Protein backbone atom coordinates (compact mmCIF):
# COMPACT_ATOMS: atom_id res chain seq x y z
CA UNK A 1 -2.89 -15.39 7.23
CA UNK A 2 -3.44 -11.81 7.69
CA UNK A 3 -2.51 -11.52 11.69
CA UNK A 4 0.23 -12.97 14.17
CA UNK A 5 -2.18 -15.18 15.58
CA UNK A 6 -2.79 -16.72 12.62
CA UNK A 7 0.88 -17.93 11.12
CA UNK A 8 1.57 -21.48 11.55
CA UNK A 9 2.90 -22.28 14.90
CA UNK A 10 6.20 -22.75 13.38
CA UNK A 11 6.17 -19.61 11.99
CA UNK A 12 4.94 -17.77 15.01
CA UNK A 13 7.49 -19.77 17.01
CA UNK A 14 10.51 -18.69 15.21
CA UNK A 15 9.29 -15.08 14.74
CA UNK A 16 9.10 -15.30 18.38
CA UNK A 17 12.02 -16.52 19.49
CA UNK A 18 14.03 -14.12 17.13
CA UNK A 19 12.75 -10.95 18.58
CA UNK A 20 11.68 -11.85 22.58
CA UNK A 21 14.94 -13.77 22.69
CA UNK A 22 17.29 -12.46 20.56
CA UNK A 23 18.00 -15.97 18.71
CA UNK A 24 19.75 -16.08 15.35
CA UNK A 25 19.10 -18.44 12.41
CA UNK A 26 22.23 -20.31 13.69
CA UNK A 27 20.90 -20.99 17.01
CA UNK A 28 17.11 -21.27 16.14
CA UNK A 29 18.40 -23.88 13.94
CA UNK A 30 20.04 -26.14 16.87
CA UNK A 31 17.31 -25.20 19.01
CA UNK A 32 14.62 -26.73 16.81
CA UNK A 33 16.60 -29.69 14.79
CA UNK A 34 15.94 -28.16 11.70
CA UNK A 35 18.32 -26.96 8.85
CA UNK A 36 19.23 -23.02 9.32
CA UNK A 37 17.95 -22.61 5.69
CA UNK A 38 14.43 -23.74 6.73
CA UNK A 39 14.44 -21.49 9.71
CA UNK A 40 15.51 -18.46 7.10
CA UNK A 41 12.46 -19.79 4.85
CA UNK A 42 9.73 -19.75 7.38
CA UNK A 43 10.87 -16.34 9.07
CA UNK A 44 10.63 -14.79 5.30
CA UNK A 45 7.39 -16.92 4.83
CA UNK A 46 5.69 -15.79 7.65
CA UNK A 47 6.35 -11.78 7.33
CA UNK A 48 4.97 -11.94 3.55
CA UNK A 49 2.07 -13.04 4.98
CA UNK A 50 1.80 -10.63 7.24
CA UNK A 51 1.64 -8.09 4.56
CA UNK A 52 1.08 -9.32 1.38
CA UNK A 53 -0.16 -6.47 -0.42
CA UNK A 54 3.02 -4.36 0.03
CA UNK A 55 4.94 -6.83 -0.30
CA UNK A 56 3.96 -7.26 -3.88
CA UNK A 57 5.35 -3.65 -4.73
CA UNK A 58 8.67 -4.77 -3.20
CA UNK A 59 11.72 -6.43 -5.58
CA UNK A 60 11.45 -10.33 -4.27
CA UNK A 61 15.28 -9.82 -4.10
CA UNK A 62 14.77 -7.80 -1.27
CA UNK A 63 12.26 -9.10 0.42
CA UNK A 64 14.54 -11.37 2.33
CA UNK A 65 17.29 -9.04 2.67
CA UNK A 66 14.02 -7.09 4.85
CA UNK A 67 12.75 -9.70 6.68
CA UNK A 68 16.48 -10.44 7.70
CA UNK A 69 17.17 -6.68 8.98
CA UNK A 70 13.59 -6.21 10.56
CA UNK A 71 14.28 -9.58 12.71
CA UNK A 72 17.39 -8.17 13.56
CA UNK A 73 19.54 -10.86 11.74
CA UNK A 74 21.81 -8.55 10.16
CA UNK A 75 24.22 -6.19 10.82
CA UNK A 76 27.71 -4.28 9.66
CA UNK A 77 27.54 -3.84 5.26
CA UNK A 78 24.67 -6.01 5.19
CA UNK A 79 22.49 -3.64 7.58
CA UNK A 80 23.83 -0.44 5.89
CA UNK A 81 23.25 -1.64 2.47
CA UNK A 82 19.65 -3.06 3.13
CA UNK A 83 19.17 1.44 5.06
CA UNK A 84 20.60 2.11 1.53
CA UNK A 85 17.60 0.34 -0.15
CA UNK A 86 15.06 1.64 2.60
CA UNK A 87 16.06 5.42 1.62
CA UNK A 88 15.58 4.64 -2.16
CA UNK A 89 12.70 2.89 -1.92
CA UNK A 90 8.97 3.76 -0.87
CA UNK A 91 7.65 0.64 -1.47
CA UNK A 92 10.79 -1.19 1.01
CA UNK A 93 9.90 1.39 3.24
CA UNK A 94 6.14 1.10 3.64
CA UNK A 95 6.34 -2.92 4.06
CA UNK A 96 9.17 -2.80 6.34
CA UNK A 97 7.20 -0.33 8.60
CA UNK A 98 3.92 -2.23 8.35
CA UNK A 99 6.11 -5.16 9.83
CA UNK A 100 7.52 -3.18 12.13
CA UNK A 101 4.41 -1.70 13.42
CA UNK A 102 2.83 -5.34 13.23
CA UNK A 103 5.61 -6.88 15.42
CA UNK A 104 5.99 -3.85 17.67
CA UNK A 105 4.95 -5.59 20.92
CA UNK A 106 7.54 -8.43 20.42
CA UNK A 107 10.38 -6.11 19.86
CA UNK A 108 12.75 -6.59 23.31
CA UNK A 109 12.65 -3.39 25.53
CA UNK A 110 10.81 -1.39 22.59
CA UNK A 111 13.82 -1.69 20.50
CA UNK A 112 12.67 -1.08 17.18
CA UNK A 113 15.00 -1.29 13.53
CA UNK A 114 15.35 2.19 12.35
CA UNK A 115 13.13 3.04 9.29
CA UNK A 116 15.43 5.76 7.31
CA UNK A 117 13.62 8.66 5.96
CA UNK A 118 13.85 8.68 1.94
CA UNK A 119 17.06 9.96 0.71
CA UNK A 120 15.92 13.65 -1.05
CA UNK A 121 19.24 13.85 -2.33
CA UNK A 122 19.07 11.27 -4.93
CA UNK A 123 19.65 11.84 -7.95
CA UNK A 124 16.72 11.53 -11.41
CA UNK A 125 17.36 12.38 -15.19
CA UNK A 126 14.24 14.37 -16.25
CA UNK A 127 11.34 12.41 -16.95
CA UNK A 128 12.75 9.20 -14.58
CA UNK A 129 9.74 7.75 -12.98
CA UNK A 130 9.74 8.58 -8.96
CA UNK A 131 10.10 6.11 -6.24
CA UNK A 132 6.44 6.09 -5.16
CA UNK A 133 5.56 8.68 -2.27
CA UNK A 134 3.83 11.46 -2.65
CA UNK A 135 4.36 14.12 -5.75
CA UNK A 136 6.60 16.77 -4.82
CA UNK A 137 4.44 19.34 -6.76
CA UNK A 138 3.35 22.21 -5.12
CA UNK A 139 0.70 22.39 -6.84
CA UNK A 140 -0.71 18.94 -6.32
CA UNK A 141 0.84 18.66 -2.63
CA UNK A 142 -2.16 20.83 -1.17
CA UNK A 143 -4.44 18.04 -2.36
CA UNK A 144 -2.37 15.28 -1.79
CA UNK A 145 -3.44 11.93 -0.01
CA UNK A 146 -1.37 11.03 2.73
CA UNK A 147 1.91 7.88 1.76
CA UNK A 148 0.31 4.33 2.97
CA UNK A 149 2.41 3.30 6.44
CA UNK A 150 0.39 5.02 8.73
CA UNK A 151 -1.68 2.86 11.77
CA UNK A 152 -4.52 2.67 9.80
CA UNK A 153 -3.04 0.66 6.75
CA UNK A 154 -1.25 -1.36 8.83
CA UNK A 155 -4.69 -2.76 10.20
CA UNK A 156 -6.47 -3.27 6.81
CA UNK A 157 -3.44 -4.71 4.87
CA UNK A 158 -2.53 -6.79 7.16
CA UNK A 159 -5.64 -8.59 9.23
CA UNK A 160 -7.38 -7.61 5.64
CA UNK A 161 -6.59 -10.32 2.65
CA UNK A 162 -7.07 -8.89 -0.87
CA UNK A 163 -7.50 -11.67 -3.34
CA UNK A 164 -6.66 -11.36 -6.97
CA UNK A 165 -10.39 -12.03 -7.43
CA UNK A 166 -11.39 -8.96 -5.09
CA UNK A 167 -9.24 -6.65 -6.50
CA UNK A 168 -10.27 -7.61 -10.06
CA UNK A 169 -13.82 -7.28 -9.53
CA UNK A 170 -15.90 -10.31 -10.94
CA UNK A 171 -19.48 -8.53 -10.50
CA UNK A 172 -21.79 -8.32 -13.40
CA UNK A 173 -20.79 -4.19 -13.65
CA UNK A 174 -17.77 -4.71 -15.93
CA UNK A 175 -16.98 -1.35 -15.32
CA UNK A 176 -17.93 -0.74 -11.54
CA UNK A 177 -21.14 1.22 -12.31
CA UNK A 178 -18.97 3.34 -15.04
CA UNK A 179 -21.39 3.75 -18.03
CA UNK A 180 -19.42 4.68 -21.50
CA UNK A 181 -19.99 5.86 -24.82
CA UNK A 182 -17.55 3.22 -26.87
CA UNK A 183 -18.52 -0.32 -24.98
CA UNK A 184 -15.74 -1.95 -27.32
CA UNK A 185 -12.59 -0.11 -25.90
CA UNK A 186 -10.12 -1.45 -24.69
CA UNK A 187 -9.09 -2.16 -21.47
CA UNK A 188 -5.99 -2.92 -19.55
CA UNK A 189 -6.85 -6.41 -17.41
CA UNK A 190 -3.32 -5.78 -16.13
CA UNK A 191 -4.65 -2.87 -14.00
CA UNK A 192 -5.84 -4.20 -10.59
CA UNK A 193 -7.12 -1.85 -7.34
CA UNK A 194 -8.99 -1.70 -4.01
CA UNK A 195 -10.53 0.53 -1.49
CA UNK A 196 -10.73 0.17 1.79
CA UNK A 197 -13.68 2.74 3.92
CA UNK A 198 -12.93 2.23 7.56
CA UNK A 199 -13.40 3.88 10.93
CA UNK A 200 -10.68 4.64 12.97
CA UNK A 201 -10.57 6.73 16.24
CA UNK A 202 -13.65 8.39 15.47
CA UNK A 203 -12.16 9.24 12.07
CA UNK A 204 -13.30 7.90 8.55
CA UNK A 205 -10.40 6.93 6.43
CA UNK A 206 -9.93 5.42 2.97
CA UNK A 207 -7.18 3.40 1.48
CA UNK A 208 -6.58 3.16 -1.91
CA UNK A 209 -4.61 0.52 -3.77
CA UNK A 210 -4.09 0.02 -7.30
CA UNK A 211 -1.38 -2.25 -9.25
CA UNK A 212 -0.25 -2.12 -13.27
CA UNK A 213 -0.54 1.58 -13.51
CA UNK A 214 1.79 3.66 -15.92
CA UNK A 215 4.31 4.51 -13.46
CA UNK A 216 4.76 8.89 -12.23
CA UNK A 217 7.07 10.57 -13.31
CA UNK A 218 8.03 14.55 -12.45
CA UNK A 219 5.35 15.38 -14.46
CA UNK A 220 2.56 12.76 -14.13
CA UNK A 221 0.33 11.74 -11.00
CA UNK A 222 -3.18 10.29 -10.09
CA UNK A 223 -5.98 11.76 -7.97
CA UNK A 224 -8.50 9.58 -6.12
CA UNK A 225 -12.10 11.14 -6.29
CA UNK A 226 -15.32 10.43 -4.88
CA UNK A 227 -17.27 10.76 -7.94
CA UNK A 228 -20.71 10.80 -9.58
CA UNK A 229 -19.73 12.54 -12.95
CA UNK A 230 -17.06 14.50 -14.05
CA UNK A 231 -19.53 17.72 -13.00
CA UNK A 232 -19.64 16.10 -9.72
CA UNK A 233 -16.67 14.93 -7.75
CA UNK A 234 -14.86 16.09 -4.91
CA UNK A 235 -10.91 15.30 -4.88
CA UNK A 236 -9.33 12.96 -1.85
CA UNK A 237 -5.98 14.08 -3.07
CA UNK A 238 -3.11 13.67 -5.58
CA UNK A 239 -0.40 10.74 -4.95
CA UNK A 240 2.26 9.28 -7.40
CA UNK A 241 3.28 5.21 -8.13
CA UNK A 242 6.39 3.49 -7.40
CA UNK A 243 8.56 2.89 -10.32
CA UNK A 244 6.66 -0.48 -10.72
CA UNK A 245 3.42 1.37 -11.27
CA UNK A 246 2.11 0.54 -7.49
CA UNK A 247 -0.11 2.57 -5.64
CA UNK A 248 -0.88 2.62 -1.91
CA UNK A 249 -2.28 5.38 0.40
CA UNK A 250 -4.29 6.25 2.46
CA UNK A 251 -6.31 10.00 3.40
CA UNK A 252 -9.30 11.14 5.24
CA UNK A 253 -13.34 10.98 3.94
CA UNK A 254 -14.93 14.04 4.22
CA UNK A 255 -18.52 13.24 6.59
CA UNK A 256 -20.64 13.61 3.63
CA UNK A 257 -18.92 10.93 1.21
CA UNK A 258 -21.95 8.58 0.72
CA UNK A 259 -23.65 11.06 -1.51
CA UNK A 260 -21.48 10.05 -3.90
CA UNK A 261 -21.60 6.90 -6.29
CA UNK A 262 -18.47 5.98 -6.47
CA UNK A 263 -14.22 5.86 -6.19
CA UNK A 264 -12.67 7.34 -9.07
CA UNK A 265 -9.02 6.98 -10.03
CA UNK A 266 -7.86 9.79 -12.29
CA UNK A 267 -4.15 10.35 -14.28
CA UNK A 268 -2.88 13.91 -13.28
CA UNK A 269 -0.51 15.56 -15.60
CA UNK A 270 1.03 18.77 -14.65
CA UNK A 271 1.88 22.01 -17.18
CA UNK A 272 4.17 24.93 -16.74
CA UNK A 273 7.01 25.61 -13.62
CA UNK A 274 7.54 27.07 -10.50
CA UNK A 275 4.76 29.44 -9.42
CA UNK A 276 3.18 28.89 -12.97
CA UNK A 277 2.47 25.10 -12.20
CA UNK A 278 -0.98 23.50 -13.10
CA UNK A 279 -2.66 20.54 -12.32
CA UNK A 280 -4.73 19.00 -15.22
CA UNK A 281 -7.13 16.15 -14.21
CA UNK A 282 -7.02 13.89 -16.95
CA UNK A 283 -9.24 10.90 -17.86
CA UNK A 284 -10.65 7.88 -15.58
CA UNK A 285 -8.27 4.72 -15.00
CA UNK A 286 -10.31 3.00 -12.71
CA UNK A 287 -13.68 3.19 -10.35
CA UNK A 288 -15.56 1.38 -7.66
CA UNK A 289 -18.95 1.32 -6.86
CA UNK A 290 -19.45 3.31 -3.49
CA UNK A 291 -21.09 0.59 -1.46
CA UNK A 292 -21.33 -0.05 1.85
CA UNK A 293 -20.96 -3.51 3.92
CA UNK A 294 -24.25 -5.33 4.98
CA UNK A 295 -22.25 -6.22 7.96
CA UNK A 296 -19.31 -3.71 9.63
CA UNK A 297 -15.86 -5.60 10.03
CA UNK A 298 -14.19 -5.03 13.40
CA UNK A 299 -10.18 -5.40 13.41
CA UNK A 300 -7.35 -4.49 15.57
CA UNK A 301 -7.73 -3.71 18.94
CA UNK A 302 -6.52 -0.88 21.47
CA UNK A 303 -5.09 1.87 19.39
CA UNK A 304 -5.51 -0.12 16.33
CA UNK A 305 -8.68 -0.99 16.58
CA UNK A 306 -10.84 -0.24 13.66
CA UNK A 307 -14.22 -0.71 11.35
CA UNK A 308 -14.04 -1.52 8.23
CA UNK A 309 -17.08 -0.29 6.34
CA UNK A 310 -16.50 -1.28 2.60
CA UNK A 311 -14.37 -3.31 0.17
CA UNK A 312 -14.34 -1.61 -2.92
CA UNK A 313 -13.10 -3.32 -6.21
CA UNK A 314 -11.78 -0.88 -8.23
CA UNK A 315 -12.21 -1.85 -12.22
CA UNK A 316 -10.28 -0.72 -15.03
CA UNK A 317 -12.35 1.80 -17.47
CA UNK A 318 -11.64 1.64 -21.15
CA UNK A 319 -9.01 3.65 -22.57
CA UNK A 320 -11.36 6.15 -24.26
CA UNK A 321 -12.35 7.31 -20.90
CA UNK A 322 -15.31 7.77 -17.96
C-alpha cells in the first residue's frame, strides 16, 4: 500500500495508462469498460495510498483536484485554480511533491506537472496561523529544519506505513520514557506523532510528523530536540505547522545522536521585534524514546535508496511540562 507496485492491479493500470499513454478518464472508461466516475475514484484512491501521511494534511475536497492535476486531467481555469491552491497551501505542495517524485518514472518525456512556489505576498492579519513551512523569523531560521518534501521524506512517507496504532505508541511507557512531577496532569490524546531515523547517501536523516498540535502563528512555532534533560539537549531545528496543526519536517542528524535518550518536541515563542527578536523555548509537547530497530530496513532503489534505522512513536506529555 505504500509503493506503486503494491497498489491494486486496477489502480496501477489506470495510473500507468494516464501517465504513460496520456489517456483521459473518459478514454479509460471506454477502454476498461467501467464508468468514468469509477476510473476517477480509483485514480484518486491510488494516489492517497501512495502518500497516506502527508495526504492527511490536505483538505479532503482538494485531494481529488490535486490528484487530477498530478495525473494531467486538468487544463484551463480548473488547472489555474489548483495551481493557486498549491501556492497558498504548504500541505498541498508537500503531498503533491511526494506524488510527483513517486510517479516521476511514469511521466512521458519527463513532462512533470509544475508545482508553484508559495505565495509570499499572501496577506495575513496579525496573529493569523501560518500555512505550514519554515518559520520566517531570522532567530528561528538559523536553526530550522528543512520542510518535508525532499527525497528522503518521499521514501519514508511513501514506502513506510505509519498506522495510528504506531503513531499513538501503546508501549508500557506512556510518556515515551519521560518522567513527570504530576502524573495526573491532563494529556492531549488528540496529538499523535512519530520520528523516523534513516541513512541515505551516507547521511543521517530524521523525519518528524505530528498532528493535533496548536497551529503556529507569526509568534509561535515548534522545535525538535535530541533530549536527555532540560540542561542536556541538542536542537535539530524549529518549524511551523500548517493551519490545521499538522507538522511535517526533515533534517540532518549529528553523528553522535545516539548519546541522547529521546526525541523531543517543544513549543517556541518569539519575543521582541527586528534585531531584538528572541526565540524562547517552552514546555515539551511530545517525546519518544530514541531506540534503534533490531534490524534496519532497506527501502527504495537507486538514488532514493535509504536504510531506516528507527521508527519512534512520539507520545503527548502532560500539560504540566517535562
